[in-house]
Amino acid sequence: MARNLDMTALRSFVAVADTGGVTKAAGLLNLTQSAVSMQLKRLEESLNAVLLDRSARTIALTSQGEQLLSYARRMLILNDEIYGKLTAREFEGEVTLGVPHDIVYPVIPQVLRRFAAAYPRMRVHLVSSFTRKLIEEFNRGEIDVILTTEDRVGVGGETIAEIPLVWVGAPDGQAWKQRPLRLAYEQRCIFRQFVQRRLDEAGVPWEMAVESDSTRTIEATVSADLAVHTMLEGTEPRHFEQIAHGGNLPELRRMSVNIYQANLDDGPVVSDLSRFIRDGFHALKAPVTA
């Protein structure tokens, strides 16, 4: 007899795999932790398989879980595409979203997936740039929604998260111990001058190892342990790690992640995109638990 997989349980499973914990997944899906945990349990029982390794603080996938994840993503995409093709036909067109390079991950891919399910006939044009440039383009009416990383929120904006700025480097790297401290930054990075000033105040000599407009260049330099960088906590890529400097580098401040949206009275599309972004960052701030 044919057996059917529960699409809701699969969606919870993928959300846990993407966020690394039930708490964050629950926030992303607007469900309770117990509801997500119950769905995961039913999914494991239906497949007679252990999908998640719960032995550590952060949930990891078992080999069976990794195999299911690939299938689950494809099934959810097809499910959402079928549902979208037959519904929500009245919304069609394009919306432009601007996001600074360093906060695209891990939230924005989840936002795009959720938006595509809700508005399958709408296309999101994602612009990845620096905060200053995004603000300029938004003020010219070229972008519908932007995210920024700033000291404070500007006129018409809303702070959706306050996240600590942290030192990052190569895994098990030693570059942070060198003096002068070698830094790698994009030329228009909004964190750059503040970090240099904090190092001066702390009496830590520094030099610019790399100055580039290419984020890939910065990532390559830092991951090669040739310099250090700063990012908002939780947004660092897998080939970086937060530096446990034990007070040998100055502590940095919290930065505001702000959202600005245009066309507030132009239907629900832009408002819903902004809501999905808020939900994503609220989930990012939740503690990682099993």
Protein backbone atom coordinates (compact mmCIF):
# COMPACT_ATOMS: atom_id res chain seq x y z
CA MET A 1 0.00 0.00 0.00
CA ALA A 2 1.32 3.45 -0.95
CA ARG A 3 2.25 5.74 1.92
CA ASN A 4 2.32 9.52 1.80
CA LEU A 5 4.81 11.90 3.35
CA ASP A 6 3.47 14.79 5.41
CA MET A 7 4.42 18.00 3.57
CA THR A 8 4.05 20.07 6.75
CA ALA A 9 6.48 17.79 8.56
CA LEU A 10 8.90 17.96 5.63
CA ARG A 11 8.74 21.76 5.74
CA SER A 12 9.60 21.71 9.46
CA PHE A 13 12.45 19.27 8.81
CA VAL A 14 13.96 21.53 6.12
CA ALA A 15 13.56 24.60 8.36
CA VAL A 16 15.41 22.86 11.22
CA ALA A 17 18.17 21.79 8.82
CA ASP A 18 18.51 25.36 7.50
CA THR A 19 18.50 27.11 10.88
CA GLY A 20 20.27 24.53 13.04
CA GLY A 21 17.65 24.31 15.77
CA VAL A 22 13.97 23.80 16.59
CA THR A 23 13.61 27.22 18.22
CA LYS A 24 14.75 29.12 15.16
CA ALA A 25 12.74 26.89 12.84
CA ALA A 26 9.61 27.46 14.92
CA GLY A 27 10.10 31.23 14.67
CA LEU A 28 10.60 31.02 10.92
CA LEU A 29 7.46 28.92 10.45
CA ASN A 30 5.35 30.82 13.01
CA LEU A 31 4.79 27.61 14.96
CA THR A 32 5.46 26.57 18.53
CA GLN A 33 8.57 24.57 19.39
CA SER A 34 6.43 21.66 20.54
CA ALA A 35 4.54 21.61 17.22
CA VAL A 36 7.79 21.46 15.23
CA SER A 37 9.23 18.78 17.53
CA MET A 38 6.07 16.69 17.17
CA GLN A 39 6.17 16.96 13.37
CA LEU A 40 9.80 15.83 13.35
CA LYS A 41 8.98 12.89 15.59
CA ARG A 42 6.09 11.80 13.34
CA LEU A 43 8.30 12.11 10.27
CA GLU A 44 11.01 9.92 11.82
CA GLU A 45 8.41 7.36 12.91
CA SER A 46 6.78 7.25 9.48
CA LEU A 47 10.16 6.60 7.82
CA ASN A 48 11.47 4.40 10.66
CA ALA A 49 14.67 6.44 10.52
CA VAL A 50 16.68 8.75 12.76
CA LEU A 51 17.01 11.99 10.79
CA LEU A 52 18.56 14.33 13.37
CA ASP A 53 21.57 13.99 15.66
CA ARG A 54 20.44 15.67 18.88
CA SER A 55 23.54 14.85 20.93
CA ALA A 56 25.11 18.32 20.54
CA ARG A 57 23.85 21.82 21.32
CA THR A 58 23.26 22.47 17.63
CA ILE A 59 21.16 19.91 15.79
CA ALA A 60 22.94 18.10 12.95
CA LEU A 61 21.64 15.78 10.25
CA THR A 62 22.35 12.06 10.27
CA SER A 63 23.33 10.37 7.00
CA GLN A 64 19.67 9.44 6.48
CA GLY A 65 18.65 13.02 7.23
CA GLU A 66 21.10 14.37 4.65
CA GLN A 67 19.65 12.00 2.05
CA LEU A 68 16.09 13.06 2.88
CA LEU A 69 16.95 16.77 2.80
CA SER A 70 17.71 16.74 -0.91
CA TYR A 71 14.41 15.02 -1.70
CA ALA A 72 12.49 17.22 0.74
CA ARG A 73 13.70 20.45 -0.87
CA ARG A 74 12.63 19.26 -4.31
CA MET A 75 9.24 18.08 -3.04
CA LEU A 76 8.53 21.39 -1.31
CA ILE A 77 9.55 23.39 -4.37
CA LEU A 78 7.24 21.31 -6.55
CA ASN A 79 4.43 21.51 -3.99
CA ASP A 80 4.72 25.29 -3.75
CA GLU A 81 4.97 25.65 -7.51
CA ILE A 82 1.82 23.61 -8.10
CA TYR A 83 -0.07 25.49 -5.42
CA GLY A 84 1.15 28.81 -6.73
CA LYS A 85 0.28 28.06 -10.34
CA LEU A 86 -3.33 27.47 -9.39
CA THR A 87 -3.71 30.38 -6.95
CA ALA A 88 -2.71 34.02 -6.44
CA ARG A 89 -2.86 34.77 -10.17
CA GLU A 90 -3.72 38.41 -9.53
CA PHE A 91 -0.18 39.31 -8.40
CA GLU A 92 2.30 39.50 -11.24
CA GLY A 93 5.43 41.60 -11.81
CA GLU A 94 8.71 42.39 -10.08
CA VAL A 95 9.82 43.75 -6.71
CA THR A 96 13.37 44.93 -6.02
CA LEU A 97 15.09 44.05 -2.75
CA GLY A 98 18.44 45.55 -1.70
CA VAL A 99 20.59 43.81 0.92
CA PRO A 100 24.18 44.49 2.09
CA HIS A 101 26.61 41.76 1.02
CA ASP A 102 27.37 40.59 4.53
CA ILE A 103 23.79 39.93 5.69
CA VAL A 104 22.46 38.05 2.67
CA TYR A 105 23.07 34.80 4.56
CA PRO A 106 21.48 33.03 6.31
CA VAL A 107 18.14 34.88 6.27
CA ILE A 108 17.55 36.11 2.72
CA PRO A 109 17.48 32.71 0.90
CA GLN A 110 14.73 31.61 3.29
CA VAL A 111 12.84 34.87 2.66
CA LEU A 112 13.06 34.42 -1.11
CA ARG A 113 11.78 30.85 -0.84
CA ARG A 114 8.86 31.92 1.32
CA PHE A 115 8.02 34.87 -0.95
CA ALA A 116 8.10 32.67 -4.05
CA ALA A 117 5.60 30.30 -2.43
CA ALA A 118 3.26 33.16 -1.54
CA TYR A 119 3.64 35.07 -4.84
CA PRO A 120 4.72 32.59 -7.52
CA ARG A 121 4.09 35.03 -10.37
CA MET A 122 6.17 37.80 -8.79
CA ARG A 123 9.91 38.02 -9.43
CA VAL A 124 12.34 39.34 -6.81
CA HIS A 125 15.26 41.33 -8.21
CA LEU A 126 17.91 41.03 -5.50
CA VAL A 127 20.49 43.83 -5.36
CA SER A 128 23.49 43.11 -3.15
CA SER A 129 25.63 46.15 -2.37
CA PHE A 130 26.86 48.42 0.42
CA THR A 131 24.54 50.22 2.83
CA ARG A 132 25.44 53.71 1.60
CA LYS A 133 24.81 52.78 -2.03
CA LEU A 134 21.53 51.02 -1.22
CA ILE A 135 20.26 54.09 0.61
CA GLU A 136 21.14 56.28 -2.37
CA GLU A 137 19.30 53.98 -4.78
CA PHE A 138 16.30 53.69 -2.45
CA ASN A 139 16.04 57.47 -2.18
CA ARG A 140 16.03 57.68 -5.98
CA GLY A 141 13.10 55.23 -6.08
CA GLU A 142 15.12 52.46 -7.71
CA ILE A 143 14.57 49.85 -4.97
CA ASP A 144 11.32 48.87 -3.23
CA VAL A 145 12.76 47.42 0.00
CA ILE A 146 16.25 47.73 1.46
CA LEU A 147 18.04 46.39 4.49
CA THR A 148 20.86 48.41 6.02
CA THR A 149 23.43 48.02 8.78
CA GLU A 150 23.75 51.35 10.59
CA ASP A 151 24.49 52.97 13.95
CA ARG A 152 20.88 54.11 14.16
CA VAL A 153 17.74 54.08 12.07
CA GLY A 154 17.05 56.84 9.55
CA VAL A 155 13.83 58.63 8.72
CA GLY A 156 11.17 56.20 7.50
CA GLY A 157 13.09 53.14 8.58
CA GLU A 158 12.50 50.47 11.22
CA THR A 159 15.07 48.59 13.28
CA ILE A 160 14.31 44.87 13.04
CA ALA A 161 17.37 43.55 14.86
CA GLU A 162 20.35 44.73 16.91
CA ILE A 163 23.25 42.34 16.40
CA PRO A 164 26.79 42.50 17.86
CA LEU A 165 29.67 43.20 15.51
CA VAL A 166 32.32 40.51 16.07
CA TRP A 167 35.84 39.70 14.92
CA VAL A 168 36.08 36.87 12.39
CA GLY A 169 38.97 35.00 10.83
CA ALA A 170 39.99 31.69 9.33
CA PRO A 171 39.07 28.53 11.31
CA ASP A 172 41.85 27.97 13.88
CA GLY A 173 43.55 31.03 12.39
CA GLN A 174 46.47 32.93 13.93
CA ALA A 175 46.29 36.21 12.01
CA TRP A 176 44.52 37.96 14.90
CA LYS A 177 47.65 37.52 17.06
CA GLN A 178 49.91 39.45 14.66
CA ARG A 179 50.95 43.06 15.26
CA PRO A 180 50.31 45.18 13.46
CA LEU A 181 46.93 43.57 13.08
CA ARG A 182 46.23 42.92 9.40
CA LEU A 183 42.73 43.96 8.28
CA ALA A 184 40.78 43.11 5.14
CA TYR A 185 37.82 45.30 4.17
CA GLU A 186 35.83 46.40 1.18
CA GLN A 187 36.52 50.06 0.42
CA ARG A 188 32.91 51.10 1.08
CA CYS A 189 32.30 48.86 4.12
CA ILE A 190 30.40 50.85 6.73
CA PHE A 191 32.19 49.03 9.61
CA ARG A 192 35.69 49.85 8.46
CA GLN A 193 36.34 53.31 9.95
CA PHE A 194 34.66 52.44 13.25
CA VAL A 195 36.83 49.33 13.66
CA GLN A 196 40.01 51.27 12.87
CA ARG A 197 39.04 53.89 15.45
CA ARG A 198 38.38 51.25 18.12
CA LEU A 199 41.79 49.70 17.47
CA ASP A 200 43.42 53.12 17.84
CA GLU A 201 41.58 53.72 21.11
CA ALA A 202 42.71 50.31 22.40
CA GLY A 203 46.32 50.93 21.37
CA VAL A 204 46.38 48.02 18.90
CA PRO A 205 48.56 48.79 15.85
CA TRP A 206 46.97 47.81 12.54
CA GLU A 207 47.49 47.90 8.79
CA MET A 208 45.28 47.29 5.79
CA ALA A 209 46.25 43.98 4.22
CA VAL A 210 43.60 44.18 1.51
CA GLU A 211 41.38 46.96 0.19
CA SER A 212 38.95 45.88 -2.50
CA ASP A 213 35.41 46.37 -3.73
CA SER A 214 35.15 42.59 -4.14
CA THR A 215 33.64 40.68 -1.24
CA ARG A 216 35.10 37.47 -2.69
CA THR A 217 38.59 38.96 -2.46
CA ILE A 218 38.05 39.79 1.21
CA GLU A 219 36.69 36.31 1.93
CA ALA A 220 39.63 34.63 0.20
CA THR A 221 42.18 36.71 2.14
CA VAL A 222 40.56 36.11 5.52
CA SER A 223 39.92 32.39 4.94
CA ALA A 224 43.60 32.04 4.00
CA ASP A 225 44.47 33.41 7.48
CA LEU A 226 46.20 36.47 5.99
CA ALA A 227 43.99 39.03 7.75
CA VAL A 228 40.94 39.46 9.98
CA HIS A 229 37.56 41.03 9.35
CA THR A 230 34.39 41.98 11.27
CA MET A 231 30.82 40.83 10.64
CA LEU A 232 27.48 40.78 12.41
CA GLU A 233 27.29 37.78 14.70
CA GLY A 234 25.57 34.83 13.05
CA THR A 235 26.09 36.05 9.47
CA GLU A 236 29.64 34.77 9.01
CA PRO A 237 30.09 32.16 6.22
CA ARG A 238 31.20 28.62 7.04
CA HIS A 239 34.80 29.29 6.02
CA PHE A 240 35.03 31.97 8.76
CA GLU A 241 34.79 31.58 12.49
CA GLN A 242 34.31 34.05 15.32
CA ILE A 243 37.66 34.83 16.96
CA ALA A 244 37.97 33.89 20.63
CA HIS A 245 40.52 36.61 21.34
CA GLY A 246 40.16 36.65 25.13
CA GLY A 247 40.24 40.45 25.32
CA ASN A 248 43.30 40.88 23.08
CA LEU A 249 41.14 42.70 20.53
CA PRO A 250 38.74 45.50 21.45
CA GLU A 251 35.09 44.69 21.99
CA LEU A 252 32.80 46.08 19.30
CA ARG A 253 29.31 47.49 19.47
CA ARG A 254 25.89 46.27 18.41
CA MET A 255 24.71 47.41 15.01
CA SER A 256 21.15 48.06 13.89
CA VAL A 257 19.72 46.07 11.00
CA ASN A 258 17.12 48.43 9.55
CA ILE A 259 14.45 48.00 6.92
CA TYR A 260 13.06 50.68 4.62
CA GLN A 261 10.14 50.01 2.30
CA ALA A 262 8.43 52.04 -0.40
CA ASN A 263 4.90 51.89 -1.84
CA LEU A 264 3.23 51.26 1.50
CA ASP A 265 -0.25 51.59 -0.07
CA ASP A 266 0.52 49.59 -3.20
CA GLY A 267 -1.05 46.27 -2.23
CA PRO A 268 0.30 43.54 0.07
CA VAL A 269 3.34 42.43 -1.97
CA VAL A 270 5.96 44.81 -0.56
CA SER A 271 4.47 44.65 2.94
CA ASP A 272 4.53 40.85 2.91
CA LEU A 273 8.13 40.79 1.67
CA SER A 274 9.08 43.07 4.56
CA ARG A 275 7.17 40.86 6.99
CA PHE A 276 9.01 37.76 5.80
CA ILE A 277 12.31 39.59 6.34
CA ARG A 278 11.31 40.59 9.88
CA ASP A 279 10.32 37.01 10.68
CA GLY A 280 13.66 35.75 9.35
CA PHE A 281 15.73 38.10 11.50
CA HIS A 282 13.59 37.43 14.57
CA ALA A 283 14.32 33.71 14.08
CA LEU A 284 18.03 34.47 13.65
CA LYS A 285 18.11 36.16 17.07
CA ALA A 286 16.49 33.18 18.83
CA PRO A 287 18.84 30.98 20.89
CA VAL A 288 19.96 27.73 19.27
CA THR A 289 18.38 24.81 21.12
CA ALA A 290 17.49 21.24 20.33
